[in-house]
Amino acid sequence: MRRGPKKDINYYINVRIGQLKQDMNKAHDEYDKQWYNRIIQELCWVKSQHHNCYMHEQGIYSPTEN
């Protein structure tokens, strides 16, 4: 059993996006910057509640599984 307050996933994602943006600004290689941008885009997609995950449709993911 975990103890302590429940972790806020949106807070974690926002912090991680901020870290990736800082790293992207420090990168010198254009390919690295594009890679950071792609990861940021994916985290923004995960954070949004307006998507339909294909894994649920195919029976790969069950909301009751942990």
PDB file of N, CA and C in Angstrom:
ATOM      1  N   MET A   1       0.837  -1.166   0.000  1.00  0.00           N
ATOM      2  CA  MET A   1       0.000   0.000   0.000  1.00  0.00           C
ATOM      3  C   MET A   1       0.894   1.245   0.000  1.00  0.00           C
ATOM      4  N   ARG A   2       0.566   2.182  -0.868  1.00  0.00           N
ATOM      5  CA  ARG A   2       1.325   3.425  -0.915  1.00  0.00           C
ATOM      6  C   ARG A   2       0.847   4.374   0.170  1.00  0.00           C
ATOM      7  N   ARG A   3       1.765   5.129   0.650  1.00  0.00           N
ATOM      8  CA  ARG A   3       1.429   6.097   1.685  1.00  0.00           C
ATOM      9  C   ARG A   3       1.659   7.498   1.159  1.00  0.00           C
ATOM     10  N   GLY A   4       1.038   8.442   1.780  1.00  0.00           N
ATOM     11  CA  GLY A   4       1.211   9.828   1.389  1.00  0.00           C
ATOM     12  C   GLY A   4       0.127  10.263   0.419  1.00  0.00           C
ATOM     13  N   PRO A   5       0.200  11.517   0.032  1.00  0.00           N
ATOM     14  CA  PRO A   5      -0.836  12.047  -0.856  1.00  0.00           C
ATOM     15  C   PRO A   5      -0.765  11.406  -2.243  1.00  0.00           C
ATOM     16  N   LYS A   6      -1.909  11.332  -2.877  1.00  0.00           N
ATOM     17  CA  LYS A   6      -1.979  10.786  -4.224  1.00  0.00           C
ATOM     18  C   LYS A   6      -1.238  11.716  -5.180  1.00  0.00           C
ATOM     19  N   LYS A   7      -0.466  11.155  -6.071  1.00  0.00           N
ATOM     20  CA  LYS A   7       0.309  11.934  -7.025  1.00  0.00           C
ATOM     21  C   LYS A   7      -0.606  12.478  -8.117  1.00  0.00           C
ATOM     22  N   ASP A   8      -0.363  13.707  -8.517  1.00  0.00           N
ATOM     23  CA  ASP A   8      -1.135  14.345  -9.570  1.00  0.00           C
ATOM     24  C   ASP A   8      -0.398  14.160 -10.891  1.00  0.00           C
ATOM     25  N   ILE A   9      -0.941  13.356 -11.771  1.00  0.00           N
ATOM     26  CA  ILE A   9      -0.279  13.039 -13.028  1.00  0.00           C
ATOM     27  C   ILE A   9      -0.153  14.269 -13.923  1.00  0.00           C
ATOM     28  N   ASN A  10      -1.149  15.157 -13.896  1.00  0.00           N
ATOM     29  CA  ASN A  10      -1.071  16.367 -14.713  1.00  0.00           C
ATOM     30  C   ASN A  10       0.086  17.262 -14.267  1.00  0.00           C
ATOM     31  N   TYR A  11       0.299  17.343 -12.965  1.00  0.00           N
ATOM     32  CA  TYR A  11       1.418  18.131 -12.443  1.00  0.00           C
ATOM     33  C   TYR A  11       2.742  17.533 -12.931  1.00  0.00           C
ATOM     34  N   TYR A  12       2.879  16.228 -12.828  1.00  0.00           N
ATOM     35  CA  TYR A  12       4.104  15.565 -13.275  1.00  0.00           C
ATOM     36  C   TYR A  12       4.346  15.813 -14.766  1.00  0.00           C
ATOM     37  N   ILE A  13       3.303  15.673 -15.570  1.00  0.00           N
ATOM     38  CA  ILE A  13       3.454  15.863 -17.013  1.00  0.00           C
ATOM     39  C   ILE A  13       3.863  17.301 -17.317  1.00  0.00           C
ATOM     40  N   ASN A  14       3.252  18.273 -16.643  1.00  0.00           N
ATOM     41  CA  ASN A  14       3.607  19.676 -16.865  1.00  0.00           C
ATOM     42  C   ASN A  14       5.061  19.958 -16.487  1.00  0.00           C
ATOM     43  N   VAL A  15       5.508  19.391 -15.376  1.00  0.00           N
ATOM     44  CA  VAL A  15       6.901  19.566 -14.956  1.00  0.00           C
ATOM     45  C   VAL A  15       7.834  18.946 -15.991  1.00  0.00           C
ATOM     46  N   ARG A  16       7.485  17.751 -16.448  1.00  0.00           N
ATOM     47  CA  ARG A  16       8.337  17.061 -17.427  1.00  0.00           C
ATOM     48  C   ARG A  16       8.394  17.827 -18.749  1.00  0.00           C
ATOM     49  N   ILE A  17       7.267  18.376 -19.187  1.00  0.00           N
ATOM     50  CA  ILE A  17       7.250  19.180 -20.411  1.00  0.00           C
ATOM     51  C   ILE A  17       8.167  20.392 -20.247  1.00  0.00           C
ATOM     52  N   GLY A  18       8.114  21.033 -19.089  1.00  0.00           N
ATOM     53  CA  GLY A  18       8.992  22.173 -18.831  1.00  0.00           C
ATOM     54  C   GLY A  18      10.463  21.794 -18.890  1.00  0.00           C
ATOM     55  N   GLN A  19      10.803  20.637 -18.330  1.00  0.00           N
ATOM     56  CA  GLN A  19      12.185  20.167 -18.362  1.00  0.00           C
ATOM     57  C   GLN A  19      12.629  19.888 -19.795  1.00  0.00           C
ATOM     58  N   LEU A  20      11.745  19.261 -20.564  1.00  0.00           N
ATOM     59  CA  LEU A  20      12.090  18.947 -21.948  1.00  0.00           C
ATOM     60  C   LEU A  20      12.257  20.216 -22.782  1.00  0.00           C
ATOM     61  N   LYS A  21      11.445  21.235 -22.521  1.00  0.00           N
ATOM     62  CA  LYS A  21      11.586  22.505 -23.244  1.00  0.00           C
ATOM     63  C   LYS A  21      12.931  23.147 -22.935  1.00  0.00           C
ATOM     64  N   GLN A  22      13.360  23.093 -21.679  1.00  0.00           N
ATOM     65  CA  GLN A  22      14.667  23.632 -21.316  1.00  0.00           C
ATOM     66  C   GLN A  22      15.785  22.868 -22.021  1.00  0.00           C
ATOM     67  N   ASP A  23      15.681  21.544 -22.021  1.00  0.00           N
ATOM     68  CA  ASP A  23      16.681  20.727 -22.694  1.00  0.00           C
ATOM     69  C   ASP A  23      16.698  20.999 -24.199  1.00  0.00           C
ATOM     70  N   MET A  24      15.508  21.189 -24.783  1.00  0.00           N
ATOM     71  CA  MET A  24      15.426  21.463 -26.213  1.00  0.00           C
ATOM     72  C   MET A  24      16.130  22.779 -26.547  1.00  0.00           C
ATOM     73  N   ASN A  25      15.967  23.785 -25.694  1.00  0.00           N
ATOM     74  CA  ASN A  25      16.614  25.074 -25.936  1.00  0.00           C
ATOM     75  C   ASN A  25      18.134  24.990 -25.808  1.00  0.00           C
ATOM     76  N   LYS A  26      18.623  24.041 -25.035  1.00  0.00           N
ATOM     77  CA  LYS A  26      20.066  23.868 -24.856  1.00  0.00           C
ATOM     78  C   LYS A  26      20.691  23.039 -25.977  1.00  0.00           C
ATOM     79  N   ALA A  27      19.876  22.276 -26.690  1.00  0.00           N
ATOM     80  CA  ALA A  27      20.403  21.381 -27.728  1.00  0.00           C
ATOM     81  C   ALA A  27      20.958  22.198 -28.892  1.00  0.00           C
ATOM     82  N   HIS A  28      22.055  21.717 -29.463  1.00  0.00           N
ATOM     83  CA  HIS A  28      22.681  22.394 -30.598  1.00  0.00           C
ATOM     84  C   HIS A  28      22.287  21.757 -31.921  1.00  0.00           C
ATOM     85  N   ASP A  29      22.013  20.486 -31.893  1.00  0.00           N
ATOM     86  CA  ASP A  29      21.678  19.754 -33.112  1.00  0.00           C
ATOM     87  C   ASP A  29      20.186  19.916 -33.425  1.00  0.00           C
ATOM     88  N   GLU A  30      19.867  20.255 -34.664  1.00  0.00           N
ATOM     89  CA  GLU A  30      18.474  20.455 -35.067  1.00  0.00           C
ATOM     90  C   GLU A  30      17.665  19.166 -34.926  1.00  0.00           C
ATOM     91  N   TYR A  31      18.276  18.028 -35.211  1.00  0.00           N
ATOM     92  CA  TYR A  31      17.590  16.747 -35.067  1.00  0.00           C
ATOM     93  C   TYR A  31      17.201  16.495 -33.613  1.00  0.00           C
ATOM     94  N   ASP A  32      18.083  16.832 -32.672  1.00  0.00           N
ATOM     95  CA  ASP A  32      17.769  16.681 -31.246  1.00  0.00           C
ATOM     96  C   ASP A  32      16.600  17.573 -30.851  1.00  0.00           C
ATOM     97  N   LYS A  33      16.577  18.806 -31.364  1.00  0.00           N
ATOM     98  CA  LYS A  33      15.481  19.722 -31.062  1.00  0.00           C
ATOM     99  C   LYS A  33      14.148  19.164 -31.567  1.00  0.00           C
ATOM    100  N   GLN A  34      14.186  18.573 -32.761  1.00  0.00           N
ATOM    101  CA  GLN A  34      12.962  17.969 -33.302  1.00  0.00           C
ATOM    102  C   GLN A  34      12.518  16.794 -32.443  1.00  0.00           C
ATOM    103  N   TRP A  35      13.454  16.022 -31.939  1.00  0.00           N
ATOM    104  CA  TRP A  35      13.132  14.879 -31.092  1.00  0.00           C
ATOM    105  C   TRP A  35      12.498  15.339 -29.778  1.00  0.00           C
ATOM    106  N   TYR A  36      13.074  16.363 -29.156  1.00  0.00           N
ATOM    107  CA  TYR A  36      12.477  16.913 -27.933  1.00  0.00           C
ATOM    108  C   TYR A  36      11.066  17.419 -28.212  1.00  0.00           C
ATOM    109  N   ASN A  37      10.887  18.102 -29.325  1.00  0.00           N
ATOM    110  CA  ASN A  37       9.574  18.625 -29.669  1.00  0.00           C
ATOM    111  C   ASN A  37       8.564  17.495 -29.829  1.00  0.00           C
ATOM    112  N   ARG A  38       8.978  16.402 -30.427  1.00  0.00           N
ATOM    113  CA  ARG A  38       8.086  15.251 -30.612  1.00  0.00           C
ATOM    114  C   ARG A  38       7.671  14.658 -29.266  1.00  0.00           C
ATOM    115  N   ILE A  39       8.597  14.539 -28.354  1.00  0.00           N
ATOM    116  CA  ILE A  39       8.277  14.006 -27.031  1.00  0.00           C
ATOM    117  C   ILE A  39       7.304  14.940 -26.304  1.00  0.00           C
ATOM    118  N   ILE A  40       7.534  16.252 -26.430  1.00  0.00           N
ATOM    119  CA  ILE A  40       6.628  17.232 -25.815  1.00  0.00           C
ATOM    120  C   ILE A  40       5.237  17.098 -26.408  1.00  0.00           C
ATOM    121  N   GLN A  41       5.150  16.943 -27.727  1.00  0.00           N
ATOM    122  CA  GLN A  41       3.848  16.777 -28.379  1.00  0.00           C
ATOM    123  C   GLN A  41       3.124  15.543 -27.857  1.00  0.00           C
ATOM    124  N   GLU A  42       3.854  14.456 -27.676  1.00  0.00           N
ATOM    125  CA  GLU A  42       3.235  13.229 -27.188  1.00  0.00           C
ATOM    126  C   GLU A  42       2.738  13.392 -25.750  1.00  0.00           C
ATOM    127  N   LEU A  43       3.508  14.082 -24.918  1.00  0.00           N
ATOM    128  CA  LEU A  43       3.052  14.317 -23.540  1.00  0.00           C
ATOM    129  C   LEU A  43       1.817  15.214 -23.514  1.00  0.00           C
ATOM    130  N   CYS A  44       1.755  16.190 -24.408  1.00  0.00           N
ATOM    131  CA  CYS A  44       0.562  17.042 -24.499  1.00  0.00           C
ATOM    132  C   CYS A  44      -0.639  16.210 -24.933  1.00  0.00           C
ATOM    133  N   TRP A  45      -0.423  15.265 -25.827  1.00  0.00           N
ATOM    134  CA  TRP A  45      -1.506  14.381 -26.269  1.00  0.00           C
ATOM    135  C   TRP A  45      -1.988  13.520 -25.104  1.00  0.00           C
ATOM    136  N   VAL A  46      -1.052  12.995 -24.341  1.00  0.00           N
ATOM    137  CA  VAL A  46      -1.405  12.161 -23.188  1.00  0.00           C
ATOM    138  C   VAL A  46      -2.204  12.975 -22.175  1.00  0.00           C
ATOM    139  N   LYS A  47      -1.806  14.217 -21.975  1.00  0.00           N
ATOM    140  CA  LYS A  47      -2.461  15.080 -20.995  1.00  0.00           C
ATOM    141  C   LYS A  47      -3.884  15.445 -21.404  1.00  0.00           C
ATOM    142  N   SER A  48      -4.131  15.529 -22.706  1.00  0.00           N
ATOM    143  CA  SER A  48      -5.466  15.911 -23.163  1.00  0.00           C
ATOM    144  C   SER A  48      -6.436  14.764 -22.904  1.00  0.00           C
ATOM    145  N   GLN A  49      -7.651  15.098 -22.632  1.00  0.00           N
ATOM    146  CA  GLN A  49      -8.673  14.095 -22.361  1.00  0.00           C
ATOM    147  C   GLN A  49      -9.537  13.828 -23.585  1.00  0.00           C
ATOM    148  N   HIS A  50      -9.158  14.375 -24.718  1.00  0.00           N
ATOM    149  CA  HIS A  50      -9.992  14.305 -25.912  1.00  0.00           C
ATOM    150  C   HIS A  50      -9.410  13.364 -26.960  1.00  0.00           C
ATOM    151  N   HIS A  51      -8.962  12.211 -26.537  1.00  0.00           N
ATOM    152  CA  HIS A  51      -8.460  11.233 -27.498  1.00  0.00           C
ATOM    153  C   HIS A  51      -9.032   9.859 -27.173  1.00  0.00           C
ATOM    154  N   ASN A  52      -9.076   9.032 -28.162  1.00  0.00           N
ATOM    155  CA  ASN A  52      -9.591   7.681 -28.008  1.00  0.00           C
ATOM    156  C   ASN A  52      -8.421   6.726 -28.219  1.00  0.00           C
ATOM    157  N   CYS A  53      -8.010   6.071 -27.186  1.00  0.00           N
ATOM    158  CA  CYS A  53      -6.845   5.203 -27.260  1.00  0.00           C
ATOM    159  C   CYS A  53      -7.184   3.928 -28.031  1.00  0.00           C
ATOM    160  N   TYR A  54      -6.411   3.655 -29.066  1.00  0.00           N
ATOM    161  CA  TYR A  54      -6.659   2.474 -29.901  1.00  0.00           C
ATOM    162  C   TYR A  54      -6.498   1.178 -29.120  1.00  0.00           C
ATOM    163  N   MET A  55      -5.688   1.186 -28.079  1.00  0.00           N
ATOM    164  CA  MET A  55      -5.448  -0.040 -27.327  1.00  0.00           C
ATOM    165  C   MET A  55      -6.730  -0.520 -26.651  1.00  0.00           C
ATOM    166  N   HIS A  56      -7.563   0.400 -26.216  1.00  0.00           N
ATOM    167  CA  HIS A  56      -8.823   0.027 -25.586  1.00  0.00           C
ATOM    168  C   HIS A  56      -9.745  -0.643 -26.599  1.00  0.00           C
ATOM    169  N   GLU A  57      -9.762  -0.131 -27.819  1.00  0.00           N
ATOM    170  CA  GLU A  57     -10.620  -0.689 -28.859  1.00  0.00           C
ATOM    171  C   GLU A  57     -10.212  -2.110 -29.231  1.00  0.00           C
ATOM    172  N   GLN A  58      -8.926  -2.382 -29.210  1.00  0.00           N
ATOM    173  CA  GLN A  58      -8.438  -3.698 -29.608  1.00  0.00           C
ATOM    174  C   GLN A  58      -8.416  -4.693 -28.455  1.00  0.00           C
ATOM    175  N   GLY A  59      -8.840  -4.259 -27.274  1.00  0.00           N
ATOM    176  CA  GLY A  59      -8.877  -5.163 -26.131  1.00  0.00           C
ATOM    177  C   GLY A  59      -7.524  -5.382 -25.482  1.00  0.00           C
ATOM    178  N   ILE A  60      -6.527  -4.576 -25.843  1.00  0.00           N
ATOM    179  CA  ILE A  60      -5.194  -4.720 -25.267  1.00  0.00           C
ATOM    180  C   ILE A  60      -5.163  -4.170 -23.854  1.00  0.00           C
ATOM    181  N   TYR A  61      -5.883  -3.083 -23.648  1.00  0.00           N
ATOM    182  CA  TYR A  61      -5.890  -2.416 -22.343  1.00  0.00           C
ATOM    183  C   TYR A  61      -7.268  -2.523 -21.720  1.00  0.00           C
ATOM    184  N   SER A  62      -7.294  -2.898 -20.490  1.00  0.00           N
ATOM    185  CA  SER A  62      -8.551  -2.942 -19.752  1.00  0.00           C
ATOM    186  C   SER A  62      -8.483  -1.924 -18.638  1.00  0.00           C
ATOM    187  N   PRO A  63      -9.458  -1.015 -18.526  1.00  0.00           N
ATOM    188  CA  PRO A  63      -9.400   0.017 -17.475  1.00  0.00           C
ATOM    189  C   PRO A  63      -9.352  -0.567 -16.072  1.00  0.00           C
ATOM    190  N   THR A  64      -9.725  -1.808 -15.883  1.00  0.00           N
ATOM    191  CA  THR A  64      -9.699  -2.402 -14.549  1.00  0.00           C
ATOM    192  C   THR A  64      -8.348  -3.009 -14.234  1.00  0.00           C
ATOM    193  N   GLU A  65      -7.467  -3.135 -15.223  1.00  0.00           N
ATOM    194  CA  GLU A  65      -6.141  -3.704 -14.986  1.00  0.00           C
ATOM    195  C   GLU A  65      -5.233  -2.648 -14.386  1.00  0.00           C
ATOM    196  N   ASN A  66      -4.387  -3.052 -13.475  1.00  0.00           N
ATOM    197  CA  ASN A  66      -3.375  -2.159 -12.890  1.00  0.00           C
ATOM    198  C   ASN A  66      -2.038  -2.814 -12.920  1.00  0.00           C
TER     199      ASN A  66
END
